[in-house]
Amino acid sequence: AQVAESGGGLVQAGGSLRLSCAASDNSLIYIHVGWFRQAPGREREGIACINDEDGRIAIADSVKGRFTISKDNREKKVYLQMDHLQPEDTGVYYCAADGAWGPLHDRVLGLGSAAYEFDGWGQGTQVTVSA
């Protein structure tokens, strides 16, 4: 699946942004989607994912209580609502799509292997949070 992110930008600490993930064929049906981020000099980390079949959600502890993942089946998009942003949230944010739920879930919980190749990655969108 080819996916693309949008919605990044520059925001002050305490502010909010909403990122969107859409498939190039305008469909995210039967595809599980996760959000990842990568700060300069750091490994890419999974932060949230949503199960297409039953709506199960996993959120990383680092963003729990501040970030929310949701899916709009009518618009065929997955959103990452980010509130109470902090400078340490700065990085490039990616969405990934995969037909399997386990690998996405495990990466968000910090258990999965970075070597696993998801079906599709977006190009990323920059999020910068100023102090």
Foldseek 3Di string as FASTA:
>chain_A
DEKAKDWADEEAAQAKIKMKIAHPVQACALKKKWKWWDDPPGDIATAKIAGRPPGDIDGAPVQPPFWDWDADRVRRMIMIIGGRDDQVVWGWMKMFIANDDVQNNCRNHVRHDPPDDGPYMHPTDTHGYHD
